[in-house]
C-alpha atoms as a PDB file:
ATOM      1  CA  MET A   1       0.000   0.000   0.000  1.00  0.00           C
ATOM      2  CA  THR A   2       1.405   3.380  -0.964  1.00  0.00           C
ATOM      3  CA  LEU A   3       1.855   6.294   1.395  1.00  0.00           C
ATOM      4  CA  ALA A   4      -0.885   8.190  -0.434  1.00  0.00           C
ATOM      5  CA  SER A   5      -3.362   5.368   0.040  1.00  0.00           C
ATOM      6  CA  LEU A   6      -2.426   5.023   3.697  1.00  0.00           C
ATOM      7  CA  LEU A   7      -3.051   8.730   4.256  1.00  0.00           C
ATOM      8  CA  ALA A   8      -6.334   8.514   2.393  1.00  0.00           C
ATOM      9  CA  THR A   9      -7.423   5.538   4.514  1.00  0.00           C
ATOM     10  CA  ALA A  10      -6.430   7.342   7.721  1.00  0.00           C
ATOM     11  CA  ALA A  11      -8.276  10.479   6.650  1.00  0.00           C
ATOM     12  CA  ALA A  12     -11.387   8.471   5.850  1.00  0.00           C
ATOM     13  CA  ALA A  13     -11.213   6.788   9.268  1.00  0.00           C
ATOM     14  CA  VAL A  14     -10.888  10.142  11.031  1.00  0.00           C
ATOM     15  CA  LEU A  15     -13.815  11.585   9.114  1.00  0.00           C
ATOM     16  CA  ALA A  16     -15.913   8.510   9.885  1.00  0.00           C
ATOM     17  CA  CYS A  17     -15.074   8.881  13.572  1.00  0.00           C
ATOM     18  CA  ILE A  18     -15.995  12.569  13.561  1.00  0.00           C
ATOM     19  CA  LEU A  19     -19.244  11.793  11.752  1.00  0.00           C
ATOM     20  CA  GLY A  20     -20.061   9.064  14.248  1.00  0.00           C
ATOM     21  CA  LEU A  21     -19.445  11.388  17.200  1.00  0.00           C
ATOM     22  CA  PHE A  22     -21.525  14.098  15.559  1.00  0.00           C
ATOM     23  CA  LEU A  23     -24.461  11.755  14.982  1.00  0.00           C
ATOM     24  CA  PHE A  24     -24.180  10.482  18.564  1.00  0.00           C
ATOM     25  CA  THR A  25     -24.251  14.069  19.849  1.00  0.00           C
ATOM     26  CA  VAL A  26     -27.286  14.920  17.726  1.00  0.00           C
ATOM     27  CA  ALA A  27     -29.119  11.845  19.007  1.00  0.00           C
ATOM     28  CA  VAL A  28     -28.302  12.598  22.653  1.00  0.00           C
ATOM     29  CA  ARG A  29     -29.379  16.211  22.241  1.00  0.00           C
ATOM     30  CA  ALA A  30     -32.721  15.147  20.776  1.00  0.00           C
ATOM     31  CA  LYS A  31     -33.364  12.734  23.656  1.00  0.00           C
ATOM     32  CA  VAL A  32     -32.465  15.370  26.256  1.00  0.00           C
ATOM     33  CA  MET A  33     -34.805  17.922  24.709  1.00  0.00           C
ATOM     34  CA  ALA A  34     -37.605  15.346  24.660  1.00  0.00           C
ATOM     35  CA  VAL A  35     -37.082  14.464  28.335  1.00  0.00           C
ATOM     36  CA  LEU A  36     -36.534  18.037  29.562  1.00  0.00           C
ATOM     37  CA  PRO A  37     -38.603  20.493  27.523  1.00  0.00           C
ATOM     38  CA  PRO A  38     -39.018  24.092  28.734  1.00  0.00           C
ATOM     39  CA  LYS A  39     -41.031  24.211  31.971  1.00  0.00           C
ATOM     40  CA  GLY A  40     -41.866  27.919  31.916  1.00  0.00           C
ATOM     41  CA  ARG A  41     -42.287  30.808  29.529  1.00  0.00           C
ATOM     42  CA  PHE A  42     -39.989  32.962  27.413  1.00  0.00           C
ATOM     43  CA  VAL A  43     -39.389  36.703  27.581  1.00  0.00           C
ATOM     44  CA  ASP A  44     -37.406  38.534  24.901  1.00  0.00           C
ATOM     45  CA  VAL A  45     -34.980  41.214  26.092  1.00  0.00           C
ATOM     46  CA  PRO A  46     -32.091  42.947  24.311  1.00  0.00           C
ATOM     47  CA  GLY A  47     -29.398  40.331  23.724  1.00  0.00           C
ATOM     48  CA  ALA A  48     -31.325  37.286  24.902  1.00  0.00           C
ATOM     49  CA  ARG A  49     -34.483  35.222  24.936  1.00  0.00           C
ATOM     50  CA  ILE A  50     -34.883  34.289  28.583  1.00  0.00           C
ATOM     51  CA  HIS A  51     -36.658  31.192  29.813  1.00  0.00           C
ATOM     52  CA  LEU A  52     -38.142  31.537  33.289  1.00  0.00           C
ATOM     53  CA  HIS A  53     -40.306  29.632  35.728  1.00  0.00           C
ATOM     54  CA  GLU A  54     -42.632  31.655  37.923  1.00  0.00           C
ATOM     55  CA  SER A  55     -44.734  30.584  40.891  1.00  0.00           C
ATOM     56  CA  GLY A  56     -46.498  32.160  43.842  1.00  0.00           C
ATOM     57  CA  GLN A  57     -47.607  35.688  44.661  1.00  0.00           C
ATOM     58  CA  GLY A  58     -46.255  38.425  46.842  1.00  0.00           C
ATOM     59  CA  ALA A  59     -42.929  40.228  47.044  1.00  0.00           C
ATOM     60  CA  PRO A  60     -40.673  39.256  44.104  1.00  0.00           C
ATOM     61  CA  ILE A  61     -37.601  37.049  44.382  1.00  0.00           C
ATOM     62  CA  LEU A  62     -35.403  36.644  41.291  1.00  0.00           C
ATOM     63  CA  MET A  63     -33.134  33.577  41.242  1.00  0.00           C
ATOM     64  CA  ILE A  64     -29.960  33.265  39.124  1.00  0.00           C
ATOM     65  CA  HIS A  65     -28.133  29.946  38.774  1.00  0.00           C
ATOM     66  CA  GLY A  66     -24.432  29.227  38.358  1.00  0.00           C
ATOM     67  CA  LEU A  67     -21.994  28.023  35.703  1.00  0.00           C
ATOM     68  CA  ALA A  68     -23.295  25.193  33.491  1.00  0.00           C
ATOM     69  CA  GLY A  69     -26.524  25.178  35.489  1.00  0.00           C
ATOM     70  CA  GLN A  70     -30.169  25.988  34.905  1.00  0.00           C
ATOM     71  CA  LEU A  71     -33.233  27.146  36.796  1.00  0.00           C
ATOM     72  CA  SER A  72     -34.062  23.594  37.918  1.00  0.00           C
ATOM     73  CA  HIS A  73     -31.405  24.026  40.616  1.00  0.00           C
ATOM     74  CA  TYR A  74     -33.954  26.308  42.286  1.00  0.00           C
ATOM     75  CA  THR A  75     -37.189  24.594  41.348  1.00  0.00           C
ATOM     76  CA  TYR A  76     -35.700  21.333  42.706  1.00  0.00           C
ATOM     77  CA  GLY A  77     -36.483  22.262  46.287  1.00  0.00           C
ATOM     78  CA  ILE A  78     -36.247  25.972  47.117  1.00  0.00           C
ATOM     79  CA  ALA A  79     -39.002  27.587  45.037  1.00  0.00           C
ATOM     80  CA  GLY A  80     -41.745  25.391  46.481  1.00  0.00           C
ATOM     81  CA  ARG A  81     -40.697  26.376  49.994  1.00  0.00           C
ATOM     82  CA  LEU A  82     -41.035  30.080  49.210  1.00  0.00           C
ATOM     83  CA  ASP A  83     -43.877  30.522  46.734  1.00  0.00           C
ATOM     84  CA  ARG A  84     -46.577  30.401  49.410  1.00  0.00           C
ATOM     85  CA  ASP A  85     -45.428  33.882  50.458  1.00  0.00           C
ATOM     86  CA  PHE A  86     -43.420  35.236  47.527  1.00  0.00           C
ATOM     87  CA  ARG A  87     -43.520  35.637  43.779  1.00  0.00           C
ATOM     88  CA  VAL A  88     -40.588  33.404  42.855  1.00  0.00           C
ATOM     89  CA  ILE A  89     -38.991  33.839  39.429  1.00  0.00           C
ATOM     90  CA  ALA A  90     -36.214  31.374  38.580  1.00  0.00           C
ATOM     91  CA  VAL A  91     -34.416  32.156  35.324  1.00  0.00           C
ATOM     92  CA  ASP A  92     -32.119  30.389  32.928  1.00  0.00           C
ATOM     93  CA  ARG A  93     -29.238  32.815  32.466  1.00  0.00           C
ATOM     94  CA  PRO A  94     -28.712  34.006  28.873  1.00  0.00           C
ATOM     95  CA  GLY A  95     -27.310  31.057  26.908  1.00  0.00           C
ATOM     96  CA  SER A  96     -28.007  28.547  29.688  1.00  0.00           C
ATOM     97  CA  GLY A  97     -30.800  26.031  30.112  1.00  0.00           C
ATOM     98  CA  HIS A  98     -33.467  26.920  27.572  1.00  0.00           C
ATOM     99  CA  SER A  99     -32.448  30.585  27.326  1.00  0.00           C
ATOM    100  CA  ALA A 100     -30.567  31.791  24.270  1.00  0.00           C
ATOM    101  CA  ARG A 101     -28.214  34.651  23.517  1.00  0.00           C
ATOM    102  CA  THR A 102     -28.538  36.609  20.320  1.00  0.00           C
ATOM    103  CA  ALA A 103     -25.706  36.122  17.829  1.00  0.00           C
ATOM    104  CA  ASP A 104     -24.088  39.456  18.721  1.00  0.00           C
ATOM    105  CA  ALA A 105     -24.439  39.134  22.516  1.00  0.00           C
ATOM    106  CA  CYS A 106     -21.439  38.752  24.810  1.00  0.00           C
ATOM    107  CA  ALA A 107     -21.074  36.524  27.861  1.00  0.00           C
ATOM    108  CA  GLY A 108     -19.572  39.080  30.231  1.00  0.00           C
ATOM    109  CA  LEU A 109     -21.069  39.763  33.645  1.00  0.00           C
ATOM    110  CA  SER A 110     -22.207  43.223  32.594  1.00  0.00           C
ATOM    111  CA  ASP A 111     -23.934  41.810  29.517  1.00  0.00           C
ATOM    112  CA  GLN A 112     -25.801  39.228  31.567  1.00  0.00           C
ATOM    113  CA  ALA A 113     -26.713  41.827  34.183  1.00  0.00           C
ATOM    114  CA  ALA A 114     -28.080  44.105  31.451  1.00  0.00           C
ATOM    115  CA  ALA A 115     -30.313  41.322  30.136  1.00  0.00           C
ATOM    116  CA  LEU A 116     -31.644  40.609  33.633  1.00  0.00           C
ATOM    117  CA  ALA A 117     -32.202  44.300  34.336  1.00  0.00           C
ATOM    118  CA  ALA A 118     -34.298  44.437  31.172  1.00  0.00           C
ATOM    119  CA  LEU A 119     -36.175  41.337  32.363  1.00  0.00           C
ATOM    120  CA  ILE A 120     -36.925  43.001  35.702  1.00  0.00           C
ATOM    121  CA  GLU A 121     -38.392  45.937  33.817  1.00  0.00           C
ATOM    122  CA  ARG A 122     -40.400  43.704  31.475  1.00  0.00           C
ATOM    123  CA  LEU A 123     -41.881  41.767  34.409  1.00  0.00           C
ATOM    124  CA  GLY A 124     -42.623  44.916  36.379  1.00  0.00           C
ATOM    125  CA  LEU A 125     -40.680  43.777  39.426  1.00  0.00           C
ATOM    126  CA  ARG A 126     -40.149  46.421  42.096  1.00  0.00           C
ATOM    127  CA  GLN A 127     -36.633  46.040  43.483  1.00  0.00           C
ATOM    128  CA  PRO A 128     -36.739  42.282  44.009  1.00  0.00           C
ATOM    129  CA  LEU A 129     -34.560  40.319  46.345  1.00  0.00           C
ATOM    130  CA  VAL A 130     -32.026  38.758  43.971  1.00  0.00           C
ATOM    131  CA  VAL A 131     -30.687  35.302  44.773  1.00  0.00           C
ATOM    132  CA  GLY A 132     -27.472  34.208  43.048  1.00  0.00           C
ATOM    133  CA  HIS A 133     -25.679  30.868  43.286  1.00  0.00           C
ATOM    134  CA  SER A 134     -22.012  30.448  42.337  1.00  0.00           C
ATOM    135  CA  LEU A 135     -21.413  32.341  39.054  1.00  0.00           C
ATOM    136  CA  GLY A 136     -24.971  33.582  39.447  1.00  0.00           C
ATOM    137  CA  GLY A 137     -23.730  35.360  42.564  1.00  0.00           C
ATOM    138  CA  ALA A 138     -21.240  37.328  40.470  1.00  0.00           C
ATOM    139  CA  VAL A 139     -24.033  38.206  38.040  1.00  0.00           C
ATOM    140  CA  ALA A 140     -26.286  39.285  40.931  1.00  0.00           C
ATOM    141  CA  LEU A 141     -23.533  41.470  42.396  1.00  0.00           C
ATOM    142  CA  THR A 142     -22.948  43.058  38.982  1.00  0.00           C
ATOM    143  CA  LEU A 143     -26.673  43.681  38.622  1.00  0.00           C
ATOM    144  CA  ALA A 144     -26.757  45.418  42.007  1.00  0.00           C
ATOM    145  CA  LEU A 145     -23.738  47.591  41.186  1.00  0.00           C
ATOM    146  CA  GLU A 146     -24.717  48.582  37.673  1.00  0.00           C
ATOM    147  CA  TYR A 147     -28.509  48.750  38.111  1.00  0.00           C
ATOM    148  CA  PRO A 148     -28.989  49.615  41.802  1.00  0.00           C
ATOM    149  CA  GLN A 149     -32.476  50.952  41.142  1.00  0.00           C
ATOM    150  CA  HIS A 150     -33.551  47.442  40.083  1.00  0.00           C
ATOM    151  CA  VAL A 151     -32.332  45.486  43.136  1.00  0.00           C
ATOM    152  CA  GLY A 152     -33.691  45.573  46.687  1.00  0.00           C
ATOM    153  CA  GLY A 153     -31.228  43.170  48.299  1.00  0.00           C
ATOM    154  CA  LEU A 154     -28.940  40.218  47.628  1.00  0.00           C
ATOM    155  CA  ALA A 155     -29.061  36.666  48.969  1.00  0.00           C
ATOM    156  CA  LEU A 156     -25.924  34.966  47.670  1.00  0.00           C
ATOM    157  CA  ILE A 157     -25.428  31.208  47.936  1.00  0.00           C
ATOM    158  CA  ALA A 158     -21.815  30.043  47.528  1.00  0.00           C
ATOM    159  CA  PRO A 159     -21.155  33.075  45.297  1.00  0.00           C
ATOM    160  CA  LEU A 160     -18.176  33.591  43.031  1.00  0.00           C
ATOM    161  CA  THR A 161     -16.776  36.985  43.981  1.00  0.00           C
ATOM    162  CA  ARG A 162     -13.058  36.694  43.145  1.00  0.00           C
ATOM    163  CA  MET A 163     -10.924  35.213  40.392  1.00  0.00           C
ATOM    164  CA  GLN A 164      -9.310  31.922  41.325  1.00  0.00           C
ATOM    165  CA  ASP A 165      -5.771  30.912  40.467  1.00  0.00           C
ATOM    166  CA  GLU A 166      -6.964  27.668  38.892  1.00  0.00           C
ATOM    167  CA  VAL A 167     -10.127  26.434  37.228  1.00  0.00           C
ATOM    168  CA  PRO A 168     -11.715  23.603  39.250  1.00  0.00           C
ATOM    169  CA  PRO A 169     -11.123  20.218  37.560  1.00  0.00           C
ATOM    170  CA  ALA A 170     -14.864  19.826  36.955  1.00  0.00           C
ATOM    171  CA  PHE A 171     -14.723  22.777  34.535  1.00  0.00           C
ATOM    172  CA  GLU A 172     -11.312  22.350  32.917  1.00  0.00           C
ATOM    173  CA  GLY A 173     -12.890  21.114  29.680  1.00  0.00           C
ATOM    174  CA  LEU A 174     -14.479  24.541  29.214  1.00  0.00           C
ATOM    175  CA  THR A 175     -11.148  26.365  28.884  1.00  0.00           C
ATOM    176  CA  VAL A 176     -10.537  25.759  25.155  1.00  0.00           C
ATOM    177  CA  ARG A 177      -9.667  29.174  23.713  1.00  0.00           C
ATOM    178  CA  SER A 178     -10.075  28.632  19.972  1.00  0.00           C
ATOM    179  CA  PRO A 179     -13.695  29.227  18.854  1.00  0.00           C
ATOM    180  CA  ALA A 180     -13.303  26.768  15.966  1.00  0.00           C
ATOM    181  CA  VAL A 181     -11.847  24.011  18.138  1.00  0.00           C
ATOM    182  CA  ARG A 182     -14.436  24.713  20.834  1.00  0.00           C
ATOM    183  CA  ARG A 183     -17.281  24.316  18.345  1.00  0.00           C
ATOM    184  CA  LEU A 184     -15.775  21.121  16.936  1.00  0.00           C
ATOM    185  CA  LEU A 185     -15.452  19.671  20.427  1.00  0.00           C
ATOM    186  CA  ALA A 186     -18.995  20.699  21.312  1.00  0.00           C
ATOM    187  CA  TRP A 187     -20.427  18.629  18.479  1.00  0.00           C
ATOM    188  CA  THR A 188     -18.080  15.636  18.768  1.00  0.00           C
ATOM    189  CA  LEU A 189     -16.122  14.818  21.933  1.00  0.00           C
ATOM    190  CA  ALA A 190     -17.755  17.011  24.589  1.00  0.00           C
ATOM    191  CA  VAL A 191     -20.920  14.956  25.054  1.00  0.00           C
ATOM    192  CA  PRO A 192     -19.368  11.469  25.286  1.00  0.00           C
ATOM    193  CA  SER A 193     -16.613  12.892  27.481  1.00  0.00           C
ATOM    194  CA  SER A 194     -19.195  14.461  29.804  1.00  0.00           C
ATOM    195  CA  ILE A 195     -21.038  11.152  30.029  1.00  0.00           C
ATOM    196  CA  ARG A 196     -17.838   9.247  30.806  1.00  0.00           C
ATOM    197  CA  ARG A 197     -16.688  11.749  33.443  1.00  0.00           C
ATOM    198  CA  GLY A 198     -20.142  12.481  34.829  1.00  0.00           C
ATOM    199  CA  ARG A 199     -19.744  10.720  38.151  1.00  0.00           C
ATOM    200  CA  ALA A 200     -16.366  12.292  38.913  1.00  0.00           C
ATOM    201  CA  THR A 201     -17.677  15.745  37.996  1.00  0.00           C
ATOM    202  CA  LEU A 202     -20.724  15.412  40.228  1.00  0.00           C
ATOM    203  CA  ASP A 203     -18.573  14.129  43.080  1.00  0.00           C
ATOM    204  CA  GLN A 204     -16.495  17.294  42.969  1.00  0.00           C
ATOM    205  CA  VAL A 205     -19.347  19.738  42.438  1.00  0.00           C
ATOM    206  CA  PHE A 206     -21.531  18.189  45.171  1.00  0.00           C
ATOM    207  CA  GLY A 207     -18.880  16.793  47.488  1.00  0.00           C
ATOM    208  CA  PRO A 208     -18.720  15.986  50.315  1.00  0.00           C
ATOM    209  CA  GLU A 209     -22.466  15.544  49.842  1.00  0.00           C
ATOM    210  CA  ALA A 210     -23.880  13.034  47.383  1.00  0.00           C
ATOM    211  CA  PRO A 211     -25.898  14.184  44.373  1.00  0.00           C
ATOM    212  CA  PRO A 212     -29.539  13.103  44.551  1.00  0.00           C
ATOM    213  CA  ALA A 213     -30.516  10.169  42.364  1.00  0.00           C
ATOM    214  CA  ASP A 214     -32.954  12.291  40.349  1.00  0.00           C
ATOM    215  CA  PHE A 215     -30.608  15.216  39.741  1.00  0.00           C
ATOM    216  CA  ALA A 216     -30.229  14.328  36.047  1.00  0.00           C
ATOM    217  CA  THR A 217     -33.928  14.919  35.411  1.00  0.00           C
ATOM    218  CA  ARG A 218     -35.520  16.848  38.286  1.00  0.00           C
ATOM    219  CA  GLY A 219     -32.324  18.874  38.735  1.00  0.00           C
ATOM    220  CA  GLY A 220     -31.961  19.448  34.993  1.00  0.00           C
ATOM    221  CA  ALA A 221     -28.420  18.087  34.735  1.00  0.00           C
ATOM    222  CA  LEU A 222     -29.145  16.332  31.429  1.00  0.00           C
ATOM    223  CA  LEU A 223     -29.486  19.740  29.791  1.00  0.00           C
ATOM    224  CA  GLY A 224     -25.719  20.000  30.091  1.00  0.00           C
ATOM    225  CA  LEU A 225     -25.413  17.183  27.547  1.00  0.00           C
ATOM    226  CA  ARG A 226     -26.055  19.524  24.639  1.00  0.00           C
ATOM    227  CA  PRO A 227     -23.526  21.271  22.409  1.00  0.00           C
ATOM    228  CA  GLU A 228     -25.016  24.691  23.082  1.00  0.00           C
ATOM    229  CA  ALA A 229     -24.695  24.152  26.830  1.00  0.00           C
ATOM    230  CA  PHE A 230     -20.984  23.355  26.467  1.00  0.00           C
ATOM    231  CA  LEU A 231     -20.406  26.398  24.248  1.00  0.00           C
ATOM    232  CA  SER A 232     -22.303  28.779  26.509  1.00  0.00           C
ATOM    233  CA  ALA A 233     -20.641  27.590  29.715  1.00  0.00           C
ATOM    234  CA  SER A 234     -17.233  27.888  28.046  1.00  0.00           C
ATOM    235  CA  LEU A 235     -17.958  31.484  27.044  1.00  0.00           C
ATOM    236  CA  ASP A 236     -19.233  32.291  30.543  1.00  0.00           C
ATOM    237  CA  LEU A 237     -16.072  30.947  32.132  1.00  0.00           C
ATOM    238  CA  GLN A 238     -13.660  32.570  29.703  1.00  0.00           C
ATOM    239  CA  ALA A 239     -15.320  35.976  30.002  1.00  0.00           C
ATOM    240  CA  LEU A 240     -14.519  36.214  33.714  1.00  0.00           C
ATOM    241  CA  PRO A 241     -10.856  37.356  33.558  1.00  0.00           C
ATOM    242  CA  ASP A 242     -11.883  40.413  31.538  1.00  0.00           C
ATOM    243  CA  CYS A 243     -14.542  41.614  33.967  1.00  0.00           C
ATOM    244  CA  LEU A 244     -14.446  40.033  37.426  1.00  0.00           C
ATOM    245  CA  PRO A 245     -11.123  41.539  38.669  1.00  0.00           C
ATOM    246  CA  ALA A 246     -12.376  45.082  38.044  1.00  0.00           C
ATOM    247  CA  LEU A 247     -15.779  44.370  39.561  1.00  0.00           C
ATOM    248  CA  GLN A 248     -14.383  42.802  42.707  1.00  0.00           C
ATOM    249  CA  GLU A 249     -12.771  46.135  43.499  1.00  0.00           C
ATOM    250  CA  ARG A 250     -16.247  47.686  43.637  1.00  0.00           C
ATOM    251  CA  TRP A 251     -17.906  45.409  46.185  1.00  0.00           C
ATOM    252  CA  ARG A 252     -17.310  48.063  48.873  1.00  0.00           C
ATOM    253  CA  ASP A 253     -19.589  50.412  46.908  1.00  0.00           C
ATOM    254  CA  LEU A 254     -22.636  48.232  47.561  1.00  0.00           C
ATOM    255  CA  ARG A 255     -25.270  49.995  49.661  1.00  0.00           C
ATOM    256  CA  LEU A 256     -28.040  47.436  50.051  1.00  0.00           C
ATOM    257  CA  PRO A 257     -28.690  44.410  52.264  1.00  0.00           C
ATOM    258  CA  VAL A 258     -26.305  41.584  51.360  1.00  0.00           C
ATOM    259  CA  SER A 259     -26.455  38.107  52.885  1.00  0.00           C
ATOM    260  CA  VAL A 260     -24.099  35.252  52.011  1.00  0.00           C
ATOM    261  CA  LEU A 261     -24.527  31.540  52.656  1.00  0.00           C
ATOM    262  CA  TYR A 262     -21.659  29.069  52.223  1.00  0.00           C
ATOM    263  CA  GLY A 263     -20.975  25.405  52.855  1.00  0.00           C
ATOM    264  CA  ARG A 264     -17.932  24.875  55.032  1.00  0.00           C
ATOM    265  CA  ASP A 265     -16.694  22.042  52.817  1.00  0.00           C
ATOM    266  CA  ASP A 266     -17.261  23.638  49.399  1.00  0.00           C
ATOM    267  CA  ARG A 267     -14.860  21.997  46.910  1.00  0.00           C
ATOM    268  CA  ILE A 268     -15.437  24.509  44.107  1.00  0.00           C
ATOM    269  CA  LEU A 269     -15.099  27.906  45.794  1.00  0.00           C
ATOM    270  CA  SER A 270     -13.377  28.968  49.001  1.00  0.00           C
ATOM    271  CA  TRP A 271     -15.846  30.404  51.503  1.00  0.00           C
ATOM    272  CA  GLN A 272     -13.070  32.464  53.050  1.00  0.00           C
ATOM    273  CA  ALA A 273     -11.980  34.167  49.809  1.00  0.00           C
ATOM    274  CA  ASN A 274     -15.401  34.472  48.201  1.00  0.00           C
ATOM    275  CA  GLY A 275     -17.644  34.828  51.229  1.00  0.00           C
ATOM    276  CA  ARG A 276     -15.783  36.226  54.225  1.00  0.00           C
ATOM    277  CA  ASP A 277     -13.747  38.696  52.178  1.00  0.00           C
ATOM    278  CA  LEU A 278     -16.845  40.004  50.395  1.00  0.00           C
ATOM    279  CA  VAL A 279     -18.775  40.475  53.633  1.00  0.00           C
ATOM    280  CA  ALA A 280     -15.820  42.346  55.156  1.00  0.00           C
ATOM    281  CA  GLN A 281     -16.123  44.974  52.411  1.00  0.00           C
ATOM    282  CA  VAL A 282     -19.896  45.489  52.383  1.00  0.00           C
ATOM    283  CA  PRO A 283     -21.414  47.549  55.214  1.00  0.00           C
ATOM    284  CA  GLY A 284     -23.776  45.462  57.311  1.00  0.00           C
ATOM    285  CA  ALA A 285     -23.375  42.297  55.238  1.00  0.00           C
ATOM    286  CA  ARG A 286     -23.805  38.895  56.903  1.00  0.00           C
ATOM    287  CA  LEU A 287     -22.157  35.526  56.315  1.00  0.00           C
ATOM    288  CA  ASP A 288     -23.853  32.286  57.375  1.00  0.00           C
ATOM    289  CA  LEU A 289     -22.051  28.939  57.277  1.00  0.00           C
ATOM    290  CA  VAL A 290     -23.606  25.485  57.128  1.00  0.00           C
ATOM    291  CA  ASP A 291     -22.221  21.998  56.815  1.00  0.00           C
ATOM    292  CA  GLY A 292     -22.171  21.045  53.146  1.00  0.00           C
ATOM    293  CA  GLY A 293     -20.608  21.530  49.745  1.00  0.00           C
ATOM    294  CA  HIS A 294     -21.189  23.768  46.743  1.00  0.00           C
ATOM    295  CA  MET A 295     -24.635  22.671  45.573  1.00  0.00           C
ATOM    296  CA  LEU A 296     -26.591  23.925  48.566  1.00  0.00           C
ATOM    297  CA  PRO A 297     -29.703  24.864  46.525  1.00  0.00           C
ATOM    298  CA  VAL A 298     -30.146  21.147  45.778  1.00  0.00           C
ATOM    299  CA  THR A 299     -28.708  19.500  48.892  1.00  0.00           C
ATOM    300  CA  LYS A 300     -29.906  21.986  51.528  1.00  0.00           C
ATOM    301  CA  PRO A 301     -33.160  23.479  50.195  1.00  0.00           C
ATOM    302  CA  GLU A 302     -34.620  23.981  53.678  1.00  0.00           C
ATOM    303  CA  ALA A 303     -31.564  25.884  54.890  1.00  0.00           C
ATOM    304  CA  CYS A 304     -31.449  27.927  51.678  1.00  0.00           C
ATOM    305  CA  ALA A 305     -35.134  28.843  51.900  1.00  0.00           C
ATOM    306  CA  ALA A 306     -34.720  29.921  55.522  1.00  0.00           C
ATOM    307  CA  PHE A 307     -31.637  31.936  54.542  1.00  0.00           C
ATOM    308  CA  ILE A 308     -33.575  33.677  51.759  1.00  0.00           C
ATOM    309  CA  ARG A 309     -36.406  34.506  54.154  1.00  0.00           C
ATOM    310  CA  ARG A 310     -33.902  36.102  56.553  1.00  0.00           C
ATOM    311  CA  ALA A 311     -32.423  38.071  53.679  1.00  0.00           C
ATOM    312  CA  TYR A 312     -35.862  39.347  52.753  1.00  0.00           C
ATOM    313  CA  ALA A 313     -36.470  40.376  56.368  1.00  0.00           C
ATOM    314  CA  ASP A 314     -33.224  42.378  56.185  1.00  0.00           C
ATOM    315  CA  LEU A 315     -34.486  44.039  53.002  1.00  0.00           C
ATOM    316  CA  VAL A 316     -37.752  45.058  54.702  1.00  0.00           C
ATOM    317  CA  ALA A 317     -35.881  46.363  57.736  1.00  0.00           C
ATOM    318  CA  ALA A 318     -33.541  48.393  55.520  1.00  0.00           C
ATOM    319  CA  ARG A 319     -36.459  49.913  53.623  1.00  0.00           C
ATOM    320  CA  THR A 320     -38.173  50.824  56.868  1.00  0.00           C
ATOM    321  CA  ALA A 321     -35.008  52.394  58.236  1.00  0.00           C
ATOM    322  CA  GLN A 322     -34.499  54.371  55.048  1.00  0.00           C
ATOM    323  CA  ALA A 323     -38.091  55.568  55.005  1.00  0.00           C
ATOM    324  CA  THR A 324     -37.973  56.703  58.631  1.00  0.00           C
ATOM    325  CA  GLY A 325     -34.427  58.020  58.487  1.00  0.00           C
ATOM    326  CA  THR A 326     -33.276  55.757  61.305  1.00  0.00           C
ATOM    327  CA  GLY A 327     -30.495  53.892  59.493  1.00  0.00           C
ATOM    328  CA  ASP A 328     -28.668  53.145  56.256  1.00  0.00           C
ATOM    329  CA  THR A 329     -29.584  50.714  53.495  1.00  0.00           C
ATOM    330  CA  GLY A 330     -27.315  47.907  54.646  1.00  0.00           C
ATOM    331  CA  SER A 331     -28.380  44.773  56.460  1.00  0.00           C
ATOM    332  CA  SER A 332     -29.942  45.670  59.779  1.00  0.00           C
ATOM    333  CA  THR A 333     -28.728  42.557  61.578  1.00  0.00           C
ATOM    334  CA  GLY A 334     -25.438  41.575  60.041  1.00  0.00           C
ATOM    335  CA  SER A 335     -22.117  41.975  61.732  1.00  0.00           C
ATOM    336  CA  GLY A 336     -19.969  40.532  58.968  1.00  0.00           C
ATOM    337  CA  ALA A 337     -18.898  37.630  61.131  1.00  0.00           C
ATOM    338  CA  PRO A 338     -19.649  34.076  59.978  1.00  0.00           C
ATOM    339  CA  ARG A 339     -22.118  32.103  62.007  1.00  0.00           C
END
């Protein structure tokens, strides 16, 4: 066999492999979409078409999920514990879950905050309490800084507030810089690789707690097995170095009630660097610690719901103090010390 024929055979084998991976990815995507269709409604805002799930009546609470997540992290157990007394709106961030970014939209924190500010206006929400988990915490903080008139208070669960020296192993696959290579991976290797490494990834993200058996469906995890989910999460992650360092210097400018909840054994983010250091800079902010890992909205829904209720009480107290001129707009009960 000549060298030319060997190269031709090798090229044909590579193309067949790529085609096989592509067809596998397409099939998996179709099955995921059939199992987990949108559970709410869509609202168009500049730069995005946002999918949201709304329940209950009363004071509004807007919930923002983290990296590679979706609104099911909140509907899993928290929303149902709050919607008897509140209007609970859980959103898929632009590009995540069933939400989509427009072709010209960016993934930066300011861009996502702008889309959510527009959503708040479209829904007619009056300064809601904004809940943010993980990367959603960074988005919530950005929203409060850049659109303070739209946010009443913040309840942050294991929030990302500072750049880390290293990307957690669970998210290393999202660091591919080349757009062309990233797109090729999304439609070929990313899905089978995610399936193969699924258990190890969940162990790190949830650890030391165990992921619930129904997290793939009820928790929406299967939605991550789609090319668009890989691409969006990669863009979210890679946008952080260009915006988070500058924003983290502005946390001290926050003048609204801020509450932070962290798991002592979080394997993704350090509670000291991301929680304690944030609270030290924000007047009146409070840090609560519980036993657990990073995925508290799923593993500790009761504790998270109680935490959110306390944060709302702080918001009401701050509004009362502002209206009567008896205090500032920070948390009325927080000392900044973890408890």
